PDB file of N, CA and C in Angstrom:
ATOM      1  N   MET A   1     101.275 106.957 427.153  1.00  0.00           N
ATOM      2  CA  MET A   1     102.606 107.490 427.371  1.00  0.00           C
ATOM      3  C   MET A   1     103.439 106.468 428.132  1.00  0.00           C
ATOM      4  N   ILE A   2     104.712 106.404 427.785  1.00  0.00           N
ATOM      5  CA  ILE A   2     105.647 105.487 428.424  1.00  0.00           C
ATOM      6  C   ILE A   2     106.844 106.282 428.930  1.00  0.00           C
ATOM      7  N   SER A   3     107.238 105.993 430.167  1.00  0.00           N
ATOM      8  CA  SER A   3     108.538 106.476 430.624  1.00  0.00           C
ATOM      9  C   SER A   3     109.456 105.260 430.646  1.00  0.00           C
ATOM     10  N   PHE A   4     110.734 105.489 430.450  1.00  0.00           N
ATOM     11  CA  PHE A   4     111.659 104.366 430.428  1.00  0.00           C
ATOM     12  C   PHE A   4     113.037 104.808 430.889  1.00  0.00           C
ATOM     13  N   ASN A   5     113.818 103.813 431.307  1.00  0.00           N
ATOM     14  CA  ASN A   5     115.186 104.043 431.731  1.00  0.00           C
ATOM     15  C   ASN A   5     116.046 102.912 431.189  1.00  0.00           C
ATOM     16  N   LEU A   6     117.125 103.260 430.515  1.00  0.00           N
ATOM     17  CA  LEU A   6     118.067 102.275 430.021  1.00  0.00           C
ATOM     18  C   LEU A   6     119.309 102.309 430.898  1.00  0.00           C
ATOM     19  N   ASP A   7     119.501 101.260 431.672  1.00  0.00           N
ATOM     20  CA  ASP A   7     120.704 101.103 432.493  1.00  0.00           C
ATOM     21  C   ASP A   7     121.760 100.489 431.575  1.00  0.00           C
ATOM     22  N   GLU A   8     122.637 101.326 431.065  1.00  0.00           N
ATOM     23  CA  GLU A   8     123.613 100.868 430.077  1.00  0.00           C
ATOM     24  C   GLU A   8     124.668  99.962 430.684  1.00  0.00           C
ATOM     25  N   ILE A   9     124.932 100.091 431.959  1.00  0.00           N
ATOM     26  CA  ILE A   9     125.920  99.221 432.609  1.00  0.00           C
ATOM     27  C   ILE A   9     125.371  97.800 432.737  1.00  0.00           C
ATOM     28  N   ALA A  10     124.142  97.679 433.224  1.00  0.00           N
ATOM     29  CA  ALA A  10     123.525  96.357 433.393  1.00  0.00           C
ATOM     30  C   ALA A  10     122.896  95.849 432.099  1.00  0.00           C
ATOM     31  N   GLY A  11     122.640  96.740 431.152  1.00  0.00           N
ATOM     32  CA  GLY A  11     121.987  96.345 429.910  1.00  0.00           C
ATOM     33  C   GLY A  11     120.515  96.035 430.100  1.00  0.00           C
ATOM     34  N   VAL A  12     119.868  96.773 431.017  1.00  0.00           N
ATOM     35  CA  VAL A  12     118.466  96.521 431.341  1.00  0.00           C
ATOM     36  C   VAL A  12     117.630  97.758 431.012  1.00  0.00           C
ATOM     37  N   LEU A  13     116.579  97.546 430.239  1.00  0.00           N
ATOM     38  CA  LEU A  13     115.622  98.595 429.915  1.00  0.00           C
ATOM     39  C   LEU A  13     114.395  98.412 430.791  1.00  0.00           C
ATOM     40  N   THR A  14     114.040  99.440 431.562  1.00  0.00           N
ATOM     41  CA  THR A  14     112.834  99.409 432.384  1.00  0.00           C
ATOM     42  C   THR A  14     111.820 100.350 431.754  1.00  0.00           C
ATOM     43  N   VAL A  15     110.637  99.818 431.492  1.00  0.00           N
ATOM     44  CA  VAL A  15     109.572 100.558 430.821  1.00  0.00           C
ATOM     45  C   VAL A  15     108.391 100.663 431.769  1.00  0.00           C
ATOM     46  N   ARG A  16     107.845 101.880 431.894  1.00  0.00           N
ATOM     47  CA  ARG A  16     106.681 102.121 432.754  1.00  0.00           C
ATOM     48  C   ARG A  16     105.584 102.822 431.961  1.00  0.00           C
ATOM     49  N   PRO A  17     104.587 102.067 431.502  1.00  0.00           N
ATOM     50  CA  PRO A  17     103.446 102.724 430.859  1.00  0.00           C
ATOM     51  C   PRO A  17     102.714 103.609 431.868  1.00  0.00           C
ATOM     52  N   GLU A  18     102.425 104.845 431.466  1.00  0.00           N
ATOM     53  CA  GLU A  18     101.776 105.802 432.371  1.00  0.00           C
ATOM     54  C   GLU A  18     100.457 106.301 431.803  1.00  0.00           C
ATOM     55  N   GLY A  19      99.931 105.584 430.886  1.00  0.00           N
ATOM     56  CA  GLY A  19      98.676 105.944 430.240  1.00  0.00           C
ATOM     57  C   GLY A  19      98.550 105.133 428.973  1.00  0.00           C
ATOM     58  N   LYS A  20      97.519 105.398 428.223  1.00  0.00           N
ATOM     59  CA  LYS A  20      97.295 104.668 426.970  1.00  0.00           C
ATOM     60  C   LYS A  20      98.535 104.757 426.081  1.00  0.00           C
ATOM     61  N   LEU A  21      98.913 103.634 425.503  1.00  0.00           N
ATOM     62  CA  LEU A  21     100.119 103.560 424.687  1.00  0.00           C
ATOM     63  C   LEU A  21      99.871 104.151 423.307  1.00  0.00           C
ATOM     64  N   GLU A  22     100.867 104.912 422.833  1.00  0.00           N
ATOM     65  CA  GLU A  22     100.776 105.588 421.551  1.00  0.00           C
ATOM     66  C   GLU A  22     101.921 105.162 420.642  1.00  0.00           C
ATOM     67  N   ALA A  23     101.755 105.347 419.354  1.00  0.00           N
ATOM     68  CA  ALA A  23     102.773 104.962 418.380  1.00  0.00           C
ATOM     69  C   ALA A  23     104.121 105.608 418.692  1.00  0.00           C
ATOM     70  N   GLN A  24     104.123 106.880 419.037  1.00  0.00           N
ATOM     71  CA  GLN A  24     105.393 107.574 419.282  1.00  0.00           C
ATOM     72  C   GLN A  24     106.125 107.041 420.510  1.00  0.00           C
ATOM     73  N   ASP A  25     105.417 106.380 421.431  1.00  0.00           N
ATOM     74  CA  ASP A  25     106.077 105.768 422.585  1.00  0.00           C
ATOM     75  C   ASP A  25     107.073 104.706 422.126  1.00  0.00           C
ATOM     76  N   PHE A  26     106.672 103.888 421.172  1.00  0.00           N
ATOM     77  CA  PHE A  26     107.524 102.798 420.708  1.00  0.00           C
ATOM     78  C   PHE A  26     108.610 103.292 419.773  1.00  0.00           C
ATOM     79  N   GLN A  27     108.337 104.384 419.073  1.00  0.00           N
ATOM     80  CA  GLN A  27     109.377 105.005 418.262  1.00  0.00           C
ATOM     81  C   GLN A  27     110.474 105.573 419.158  1.00  0.00           C
ATOM     82  N   ALA A  28     110.084 106.200 420.276  1.00  0.00           N
ATOM     83  CA  ALA A  28     111.065 106.740 421.222  1.00  0.00           C
ATOM     84  C   ALA A  28     111.869 105.620 421.881  1.00  0.00           C
ATOM     85  N   LEU A  29     111.209 104.517 422.221  1.00  0.00           N
ATOM     86  CA  LEU A  29     111.925 103.365 422.784  1.00  0.00           C
ATOM     87  C   LEU A  29     112.965 102.850 421.801  1.00  0.00           C
ATOM     88  N   SER A  30     112.582 102.721 420.549  1.00  0.00           N
ATOM     89  CA  SER A  30     113.517 102.240 419.531  1.00  0.00           C
ATOM     90  C   SER A  30     114.703 103.177 419.384  1.00  0.00           C
ATOM     91  N   GLU A  31     114.446 104.477 419.361  1.00  0.00           N
ATOM     92  CA  GLU A  31     115.533 105.452 419.232  1.00  0.00           C
ATOM     93  C   GLU A  31     116.501 105.371 420.402  1.00  0.00           C
ATOM     94  N   ALA A  32     116.004 105.039 421.581  1.00  0.00           N
ATOM     95  CA  ALA A  32     116.863 104.948 422.764  1.00  0.00           C
ATOM     96  C   ALA A  32     117.633 103.634 422.819  1.00  0.00           C
ATOM     97  N   VAL A  33     116.992 102.553 422.442  1.00  0.00           N
ATOM     98  CA  VAL A  33     117.592 101.235 422.654  1.00  0.00           C
ATOM     99  C   VAL A  33     118.372 100.713 421.442  1.00  0.00           C
ATOM    100  N   ASP A  34     118.021 101.103 420.244  1.00  0.00           N
ATOM    101  CA  ASP A  34     118.686 100.573 419.058  1.00  0.00           C
ATOM    102  C   ASP A  34     120.191 100.850 419.028  1.00  0.00           C
ATOM    103  N   PRO A  35     120.649 102.066 419.350  1.00  0.00           N
ATOM    104  CA  PRO A  35     122.101 102.298 419.368  1.00  0.00           C
ATOM    105  C   PRO A  35     122.816 101.418 420.410  1.00  0.00           C
ATOM    106  N   PHE A  36     122.185 101.200 421.549  1.00  0.00           N
ATOM    107  CA  PHE A  36     122.777 100.340 422.571  1.00  0.00           C
ATOM    108  C   PHE A  36     122.906  98.908 422.040  1.00  0.00           C
ATOM    109  N   ILE A  37     121.859  98.399 421.412  1.00  0.00           N
ATOM    110  CA  ILE A  37     121.881  97.041 420.873  1.00  0.00           C
ATOM    111  C   ILE A  37     122.930  96.923 419.766  1.00  0.00           C
ATOM    112  N   GLU A  38     123.029  97.941 418.922  1.00  0.00           N
ATOM    113  CA  GLU A  38     124.052  97.919 417.863  1.00  0.00           C
ATOM    114  C   GLU A  38     125.448  97.822 418.454  1.00  0.00           C
ATOM    115  N   GLU A  39     125.684  98.544 419.550  1.00  0.00           N
ATOM    116  CA  GLU A  39     127.007  98.556 420.169  1.00  0.00           C
ATOM    117  C   GLU A  39     127.271  97.307 421.005  1.00  0.00           C
ATOM    118  N   LYS A  40     126.307  96.872 421.799  1.00  0.00           N
ATOM    119  CA  LYS A  40     126.519  95.785 422.758  1.00  0.00           C
ATOM    120  C   LYS A  40     126.022  94.424 422.284  1.00  0.00           C
ATOM    121  N   GLY A  41     125.159  94.404 421.281  1.00  0.00           N
ATOM    122  CA  GLY A  41     124.669  93.137 420.769  1.00  0.00           C
ATOM    123  C   GLY A  41     123.283  92.756 421.241  1.00  0.00           C
ATOM    124  N   LYS A  42     122.950  93.020 422.504  1.00  0.00           N
ATOM    125  CA  LYS A  42     121.607  92.718 423.004  1.00  0.00           C
ATOM    126  C   LYS A  42     121.433  93.327 424.382  1.00  0.00           C
ATOM    127  N   LEU A  43     120.185  93.323 424.832  1.00  0.00           N
ATOM    128  CA  LEU A  43     119.863  93.741 426.191  1.00  0.00           C
ATOM    129  C   LEU A  43     119.890  92.521 427.100  1.00  0.00           C
ATOM    130  N   THR A  44     120.408  92.697 428.301  1.00  0.00           N
ATOM    131  CA  THR A  44     120.333  91.634 429.305  1.00  0.00           C
ATOM    132  C   THR A  44     118.880  91.383 429.645  1.00  0.00           C
ATOM    133  N   GLY A  45     118.104  92.469 429.752  1.00  0.00           N
ATOM    134  CA  GLY A  45     116.708  92.286 430.086  1.00  0.00           C
ATOM    135  C   GLY A  45     115.859  93.508 429.843  1.00  0.00           C
ATOM    136  N   LEU A  46     114.563  93.247 429.816  1.00  0.00           N
ATOM    137  CA  LEU A  46     113.536  94.271 429.702  1.00  0.00           C
ATOM    138  C   LEU A  46     112.560  94.050 430.847  1.00  0.00           C
ATOM    139  N   ILE A  47     112.333  95.087 431.623  1.00  0.00           N
ATOM    140  CA  ILE A  47     111.357  95.045 432.712  1.00  0.00           C
ATOM    141  C   ILE A  47     110.201  95.953 432.322  1.00  0.00           C
ATOM    142  N   ILE A  48     109.013  95.387 432.281  1.00  0.00           N
ATOM    143  CA  ILE A  48     107.812  96.184 432.036  1.00  0.00           C
ATOM    144  C   ILE A  48     107.086  96.264 433.366  1.00  0.00           C
ATOM    145  N   GLU A  49     106.999  97.471 433.904  1.00  0.00           N
ATOM    146  CA  GLU A  49     106.431  97.704 435.236  1.00  0.00           C
ATOM    147  C   GLU A  49     105.165  98.541 435.125  1.00  0.00           C
ATOM    148  N   THR A  50     104.023  97.925 435.401  1.00  0.00           N
ATOM    149  CA  THR A  50     102.749  98.637 435.377  1.00  0.00           C
ATOM    150  C   THR A  50     101.748  97.868 436.226  1.00  0.00           C
ATOM    151  N   GLU A  51     101.043  98.576 437.073  1.00  0.00           N
ATOM    152  CA  GLU A  51     100.082  97.879 437.922  1.00  0.00           C
ATOM    153  C   GLU A  51      99.012  97.188 437.081  1.00  0.00           C
ATOM    154  N   LYS A  52      98.510  97.906 436.095  1.00  0.00           N
ATOM    155  CA  LYS A  52      97.512  97.353 435.179  1.00  0.00           C
ATOM    156  C   LYS A  52      97.855  97.791 433.760  1.00  0.00           C
ATOM    157  N   PHE A  53      97.632  96.905 432.809  1.00  0.00           N
ATOM    158  CA  PHE A  53      97.910  97.238 431.414  1.00  0.00           C
ATOM    159  C   PHE A  53      96.970  98.347 430.963  1.00  0.00           C
ATOM    160  N   PRO A  54      97.510  99.478 430.459  1.00  0.00           N
ATOM    161  CA  PRO A  54      96.661 100.628 430.136  1.00  0.00           C
ATOM    162  C   PRO A  54      95.969 100.563 428.775  1.00  0.00           C
ATOM    163  N   GLY A  55      96.364  99.642 427.918  1.00  0.00           N
ATOM    164  CA  GLY A  55      95.785  99.586 426.577  1.00  0.00           C
ATOM    165  C   GLY A  55      96.456 100.589 425.646  1.00  0.00           C
ATOM    166  N   TRP A  56      95.910 100.725 424.460  1.00  0.00           N
ATOM    167  CA  TRP A  56      96.465 101.614 423.444  1.00  0.00           C
ATOM    168  C   TRP A  56      95.522 102.785 423.207  1.00  0.00           C
ATOM    169  N   LYS A  57      96.096 103.942 422.903  1.00  0.00           N
ATOM    170  CA  LYS A  57      95.287 105.127 422.639  1.00  0.00           C
ATOM    171  C   LYS A  57      94.581 105.010 421.294  1.00  0.00           C
ATOM    172  N   GLU A  58      95.285 104.409 420.338  1.00  0.00           N
ATOM    173  CA  GLU A  58      94.722 104.250 419.002  1.00  0.00           C
ATOM    174  C   GLU A  58      95.309 103.000 418.363  1.00  0.00           C
ATOM    175  N   PHE A  59      94.735 102.595 417.250  1.00  0.00           N
ATOM    176  CA  PHE A  59      95.182 101.396 416.545  1.00  0.00           C
ATOM    177  C   PHE A  59      96.661 101.488 416.183  1.00  0.00           C
ATOM    178  N   ALA A  60      97.118 102.664 415.780  1.00  0.00           N
ATOM    179  CA  ALA A  60      98.524 102.841 415.405  1.00  0.00           C
ATOM    180  C   ALA A  60      99.452 102.516 416.574  1.00  0.00           C
ATOM    181  N   GLY A  61      99.015 102.786 417.792  1.00  0.00           N
ATOM    182  CA  GLY A  61      99.812 102.439 418.967  1.00  0.00           C
ATOM    183  C   GLY A  61     100.000 100.938 419.097  1.00  0.00           C
ATOM    184  N   MET A  62      98.933 100.199 418.854  1.00  0.00           N
ATOM    185  CA  MET A  62      99.021  98.745 418.912  1.00  0.00           C
ATOM    186  C   MET A  62      99.940  98.212 417.806  1.00  0.00           C
ATOM    187  N   VAL A  63      99.828  98.774 416.623  1.00  0.00           N
ATOM    188  CA  VAL A  63     100.666  98.342 415.498  1.00  0.00           C
ATOM    189  C   VAL A  63     102.137  98.592 415.809  1.00  0.00           C
ATOM    190  N   GLU A  64     102.463  99.776 416.303  1.00  0.00           N
ATOM    191  CA  GLU A  64     103.860 100.090 416.633  1.00  0.00           C
ATOM    192  C   GLU A  64     104.372  99.204 417.777  1.00  0.00           C
ATOM    193  N   HIS A  65     103.506  98.883 418.731  1.00  0.00           N
ATOM    194  CA  HIS A  65     103.868  97.980 419.821  1.00  0.00           C
ATOM    195  C   HIS A  65     104.263  96.616 419.249  1.00  0.00           C
ATOM    196  N   LEU A  66     103.430  96.083 418.362  1.00  0.00           N
ATOM    197  CA  LEU A  66     103.719  94.782 417.760  1.00  0.00           C
ATOM    198  C   LEU A  66     104.993  94.831 416.907  1.00  0.00           C
ATOM    199  N   LYS A  67     105.223  95.931 416.206  1.00  0.00           N
ATOM    200  CA  LYS A  67     106.460  96.086 415.430  1.00  0.00           C
ATOM    201  C   LYS A  67     107.671  96.110 416.352  1.00  0.00           C
ATOM    202  N   PHE A  68     107.554  96.817 417.484  1.00  0.00           N
ATOM    203  CA  PHE A  68     108.660  96.879 418.439  1.00  0.00           C
ATOM    204  C   PHE A  68     109.008  95.475 418.933  1.00  0.00           C
ATOM    205  N   VAL A  69     107.985  94.705 419.291  1.00  0.00           N
ATOM    206  CA  VAL A  69     108.215  93.328 419.755  1.00  0.00           C
ATOM    207  C   VAL A  69     108.877  92.513 418.642  1.00  0.00           C
ATOM    208  N   ARG A  70     108.325  92.587 417.446  1.00  0.00           N
ATOM    209  CA  ARG A  70     108.875  91.839 416.304  1.00  0.00           C
ATOM    210  C   ARG A  70     110.340  92.183 416.039  1.00  0.00           C
ATOM    211  N   ASP A  71     110.665  93.467 416.105  1.00  0.00           N
ATOM    212  CA  ASP A  71     111.999  93.924 415.743  1.00  0.00           C
ATOM    213  C   ASP A  71     113.031  93.747 416.853  1.00  0.00           C
ATOM    214  N   HIS A  72     112.583  93.542 418.096  1.00  0.00           N
ATOM    215  CA  HIS A  72     113.532  93.523 419.211  1.00  0.00           C
ATOM    216  C   HIS A  72     113.574  92.240 420.032  1.00  0.00           C
ATOM    217  N   HIS A  73     112.634  91.342 419.864  1.00  0.00           N
ATOM    218  CA  HIS A  73     112.559  90.196 420.776  1.00  0.00           C
ATOM    219  C   HIS A  73     113.801  89.304 420.727  1.00  0.00           C
ATOM    220  N   ARG A  74     114.510  89.286 419.634  1.00  0.00           N
ATOM    221  CA  ARG A  74     115.729  88.473 419.544  1.00  0.00           C
ATOM    222  C   ARG A  74     116.916  89.135 420.232  1.00  0.00           C
ATOM    223  N   GLU A  75     116.800  90.409 420.538  1.00  0.00           N
ATOM    224  CA  GLU A  75     117.898  91.148 421.168  1.00  0.00           C
ATOM    225  C   GLU A  75     117.694  91.346 422.669  1.00  0.00           C
ATOM    226  N   ILE A  76     116.766  90.604 423.256  1.00  0.00           N
ATOM    227  CA  ILE A  76     116.480  90.706 424.689  1.00  0.00           C
ATOM    228  C   ILE A  76     116.573  89.310 425.289  1.00  0.00           C
ATOM    229  N   ALA A  77     117.465  89.140 426.279  1.00  0.00           N
ATOM    230  CA  ALA A  77     117.650  87.817 426.880  1.00  0.00           C
ATOM    231  C   ALA A  77     116.492  87.441 427.804  1.00  0.00           C
ATOM    232  N   LYS A  78     116.057  88.387 428.648  1.00  0.00           N
ATOM    233  CA  LYS A  78     114.990  88.104 429.611  1.00  0.00           C
ATOM    234  C   LYS A  78     113.982  89.244 429.628  1.00  0.00           C
ATOM    235  N   LEU A  79     112.717  88.875 429.842  1.00  0.00           N
ATOM    236  CA  LEU A  79     111.623  89.845 429.927  1.00  0.00           C
ATOM    237  C   LEU A  79     110.862  89.599 431.219  1.00  0.00           C
ATOM    238  N   ALA A  80     110.834  90.606 432.085  1.00  0.00           N
ATOM    239  CA  ALA A  80     110.088  90.524 433.346  1.00  0.00           C
ATOM    240  C   ALA A  80     108.838  91.387 433.232  1.00  0.00           C
ATOM    241  N   LEU A  81     107.687  90.767 433.443  1.00  0.00           N
ATOM    242  CA  LEU A  81     106.410  91.479 433.456  1.00  0.00           C
ATOM    243  C   LEU A  81     106.051  91.714 434.914  1.00  0.00           C
ATOM    244  N   VAL A  82     106.168  92.949 435.372  1.00  0.00           N
ATOM    245  CA  VAL A  82     105.915  93.300 436.776  1.00  0.00           C
ATOM    246  C   VAL A  82     104.573  94.016 436.822  1.00  0.00           C
ATOM    247  N   THR A  83     103.535  93.238 437.098  1.00  0.00           N
ATOM    248  CA  THR A  83     102.181  93.765 437.016  1.00  0.00           C
ATOM    249  C   THR A  83     101.198  92.862 437.752  1.00  0.00           C
ATOM    250  N   ASP A  84     100.097  93.441 438.153  1.00  0.00           N
ATOM    251  CA  ASP A  84      99.000  92.658 438.716  1.00  0.00           C
ATOM    252  C   ASP A  84      97.924  92.388 437.662  1.00  0.00           C
ATOM    253  N   SER A  85      98.152  92.848 436.449  1.00  0.00           N
ATOM    254  CA  SER A  85      97.195  92.666 435.363  1.00  0.00           C
ATOM    255  C   SER A  85      97.119  91.197 434.964  1.00  0.00           C
ATOM    256  N   LYS A  86      95.914  90.716 434.766  1.00  0.00           N
ATOM    257  CA  LYS A  86      95.706  89.324 434.344  1.00  0.00           C
ATOM    258  C   LYS A  86      96.248  89.081 432.936  1.00  0.00           C
ATOM    259  N   ILE A  87      96.401  90.129 432.152  1.00  0.00           N
ATOM    260  CA  ILE A  87      96.916  89.965 430.799  1.00  0.00           C
ATOM    261  C   ILE A  87      98.352  89.437 430.806  1.00  0.00           C
ATOM    262  N   ALA A  88      99.075  89.628 431.905  1.00  0.00           N
ATOM    263  CA  ALA A  88     100.458  89.165 431.989  1.00  0.00           C
ATOM    264  C   ALA A  88     100.539  87.649 431.897  1.00  0.00           C
ATOM    265  N   ASP A  89      99.586  86.940 432.494  1.00  0.00           N
ATOM    266  CA  ASP A  89      99.593  85.481 432.410  1.00  0.00           C
ATOM    267  C   ASP A  89      99.410  85.024 430.972  1.00  0.00           C
ATOM    268  N   VAL A  90      98.521  85.689 430.255  1.00  0.00           N
ATOM    269  CA  VAL A  90      98.295  85.371 428.842  1.00  0.00           C
ATOM    270  C   VAL A  90      99.545  85.725 428.036  1.00  0.00           C
ATOM    271  N   ALA A  91     100.114  86.896 428.296  1.00  0.00           N
ATOM    272  CA  ALA A  91     101.312  87.329 427.571  1.00  0.00           C
ATOM    273  C   ALA A  91     102.470  86.363 427.814  1.00  0.00           C
ATOM    274  N   GLN A  92     102.614  85.901 429.044  1.00  0.00           N
ATOM    275  CA  GLN A  92     103.688  84.960 429.350  1.00  0.00           C
ATOM    276  C   GLN A  92     103.485  83.650 428.593  1.00  0.00           C
ATOM    277  N   ALA A  93     102.271  83.133 428.596  1.00  0.00           N
ATOM    278  CA  ALA A  93     101.988  81.868 427.911  1.00  0.00           C
ATOM    279  C   ALA A  93     102.160  81.994 426.394  1.00  0.00           C
ATOM    280  N   LEU A  94     101.611  83.053 425.813  1.00  0.00           N
ATOM    281  CA  LEU A  94     101.734  83.253 424.364  1.00  0.00           C
ATOM    282  C   LEU A  94     103.156  83.614 423.967  1.00  0.00           C
ATOM    283  N   GLY A  95     103.790  84.429 424.789  1.00  0.00           N
ATOM    284  CA  GLY A  95     105.138  84.887 424.480  1.00  0.00           C
ATOM    285  C   GLY A  95     106.130  83.761 424.315  1.00  0.00           C
ATOM    286  N   LYS A  96     105.948  82.679 425.043  1.00  0.00           N
ATOM    287  CA  LYS A  96     106.866  81.544 424.939  1.00  0.00           C
ATOM    288  C   LYS A  96     106.891  80.970 423.524  1.00  0.00           C
ATOM    289  N   HIS A  97     105.822  81.196 422.764  1.00  0.00           N
ATOM    290  CA  HIS A  97     105.748  80.676 421.405  1.00  0.00           C
ATOM    291  C   HIS A  97     106.239  81.668 420.357  1.00  0.00           C
ATOM    292  N   PHE A  98     106.257  82.965 420.693  1.00  0.00           N
ATOM    293  CA  PHE A  98     106.558  83.982 419.688  1.00  0.00           C
ATOM    294  C   PHE A  98     107.762  84.865 420.023  1.00  0.00           C
ATOM    295  N   VAL A  99     108.250  84.797 421.247  1.00  0.00           N
ATOM    296  CA  VAL A  99     109.320  85.678 421.693  1.00  0.00           C
ATOM    297  C   VAL A  99     110.501  84.829 422.132  1.00  0.00           C
ATOM    298  N   LYS A 100     111.684  85.208 421.721  1.00  0.00           N
ATOM    299  CA  LYS A 100     112.880  84.439 422.040  1.00  0.00           C
ATOM    300  C   LYS A 100     113.289  84.594 423.507  1.00  0.00           C
ATOM    301  N   ALA A 101     113.010  85.717 424.119  1.00  0.00           N
ATOM    302  CA  ALA A 101     113.427  85.991 425.500  1.00  0.00           C
ATOM    303  C   ALA A 101     112.749  85.044 426.488  1.00  0.00           C
ATOM    304  N   ASP A 102     113.452  84.755 427.592  1.00  0.00           N
ATOM    305  CA  ASP A 102     112.816  84.077 428.722  1.00  0.00           C
ATOM    306  C   ASP A 102     111.867  85.082 429.356  1.00  0.00           C
ATOM    307  N   ILE A 103     110.642  84.668 429.653  1.00  0.00           N
ATOM    308  CA  ILE A 103     109.623  85.567 430.192  1.00  0.00           C
ATOM    309  C   ILE A 103     109.185  85.071 431.554  1.00  0.00           C
ATOM    310  N   LYS A 104     109.083  86.016 432.493  1.00  0.00           N
ATOM    311  CA  LYS A 104     108.594  85.666 433.824  1.00  0.00           C
ATOM    312  C   LYS A 104     107.701  86.787 434.344  1.00  0.00           C
ATOM    313  N   HIS A 105     106.600  86.400 434.971  1.00  0.00           N
ATOM    314  CA  HIS A 105     105.636  87.341 435.537  1.00  0.00           C
ATOM    315  C   HIS A 105     105.898  87.494 437.037  1.00  0.00           C
ATOM    316  N   PHE A 106     105.914  88.741 437.492  1.00  0.00           N
ATOM    317  CA  PHE A 106     106.074  89.081 438.908  1.00  0.00           C
ATOM    318  C   PHE A 106     104.911  89.964 439.342  1.00  0.00           C
ATOM    319  N   PRO A 107     104.424  89.796 440.571  1.00  0.00           N
ATOM    320  CA  PRO A 107     103.415  90.730 441.076  1.00  0.00           C
ATOM    321  C   PRO A 107     103.979  92.155 441.088  1.00  0.00           C
ATOM    322  N   PHE A 108     103.097  93.140 440.990  1.00  0.00           N
ATOM    323  CA  PHE A 108     103.504  94.539 440.870  1.00  0.00           C
ATOM    324  C   PHE A 108     104.436  94.996 441.994  1.00  0.00           C
ATOM    325  N   LYS A 109     104.250  94.511 443.170  1.00  0.00           N
ATOM    326  CA  LYS A 109     105.073  94.967 444.300  1.00  0.00           C
ATOM    327  C   LYS A 109     106.420  94.245 444.392  1.00  0.00           C
ATOM    328  N   GLU A 110     106.745  93.408 443.407  1.00  0.00           N
ATOM    329  CA  GLU A 110     107.984  92.639 443.456  1.00  0.00           C
ATOM    330  C   GLU A 110     109.000  93.047 442.387  1.00  0.00           C
ATOM    331  N   LEU A 111     109.150  94.352 442.214  1.00  0.00           N
ATOM    332  CA  LEU A 111     110.102  94.877 441.235  1.00  0.00           C
ATOM    333  C   LEU A 111     111.523  94.404 441.536  1.00  0.00           C
ATOM    334  N   GLU A 112     111.909  94.404 442.795  1.00  0.00           N
ATOM    335  CA  GLU A 112     113.274  93.991 443.143  1.00  0.00           C
ATOM    336  C   GLU A 112     113.517  92.524 442.822  1.00  0.00           C
ATOM    337  N   SER A 113     112.499  91.680 442.989  1.00  0.00           N
ATOM    338  CA  SER A 113     112.629  90.272 442.604  1.00  0.00           C
ATOM    339  C   SER A 113     112.846  90.155 441.098  1.00  0.00           C
ATOM    340  N   ALA A 114     112.145  90.981 440.347  1.00  0.00           N
ATOM    341  CA  ALA A 114     112.311  90.975 438.889  1.00  0.00           C
ATOM    342  C   ALA A 114     113.725  91.419 438.514  1.00  0.00           C
ATOM    343  N   ARG A 115     114.218  92.459 439.164  1.00  0.00           N
ATOM    344  CA  ARG A 115     115.577  92.931 438.890  1.00  0.00           C
ATOM    345  C   ARG A 115     116.598  91.835 439.193  1.00  0.00           C
ATOM    346  N   SER A 116     116.407  91.141 440.297  1.00  0.00           N
ATOM    347  CA  SER A 116     117.336  90.054 440.662  1.00  0.00           C
ATOM    348  C   SER A 116     117.299  88.947 439.624  1.00  0.00           C
ATOM    349  N   TRP A 117     116.109  88.586 439.170  1.00  0.00           N
ATOM    350  CA  TRP A 117     115.977  87.529 438.167  1.00  0.00           C
ATOM    351  C   TRP A 117     116.639  87.950 436.855  1.00  0.00           C
ATOM    352  N   ILE A 118     116.461  89.195 436.463  1.00  0.00           N
ATOM    353  CA  ILE A 118     117.060  89.682 435.205  1.00  0.00           C
ATOM    354  C   ILE A 118     118.573  89.575 435.273  1.00  0.00           C
ATOM    355  N   SER A 119     119.160  89.946 436.405  1.00  0.00           N
ATOM    356  CA  SER A 119     120.629  89.938 436.484  1.00  0.00           C
ATOM    357  C   SER A 119     121.134  88.595 436.938  1.00  0.00           C
TER     358      SER A 119
END
């Protein structure tokens, strides 16, 4: 499950995984963010805030996650990974080759630093 908040004034989407990720989580994210992107052109930033990466509930969740990244990475200027998970270092390194957004990793307790960097 994912909770999220779209700050339409700043153009920043904050995503908080709260359990194993499911396909419908990414469908809900798309439904929330796609109209904003259509109107404004892109997001200033995406903040993913999770102490540890929870994984996916099922294979379909992973597939929808990858589709979300594929369909949206060009519409996001900056991506902040706010987590203590070691997977963030790998995601940051790999993301530079596959994702258009600038990516930066922040420790979990540094959400405000991530917000400052995004803006």
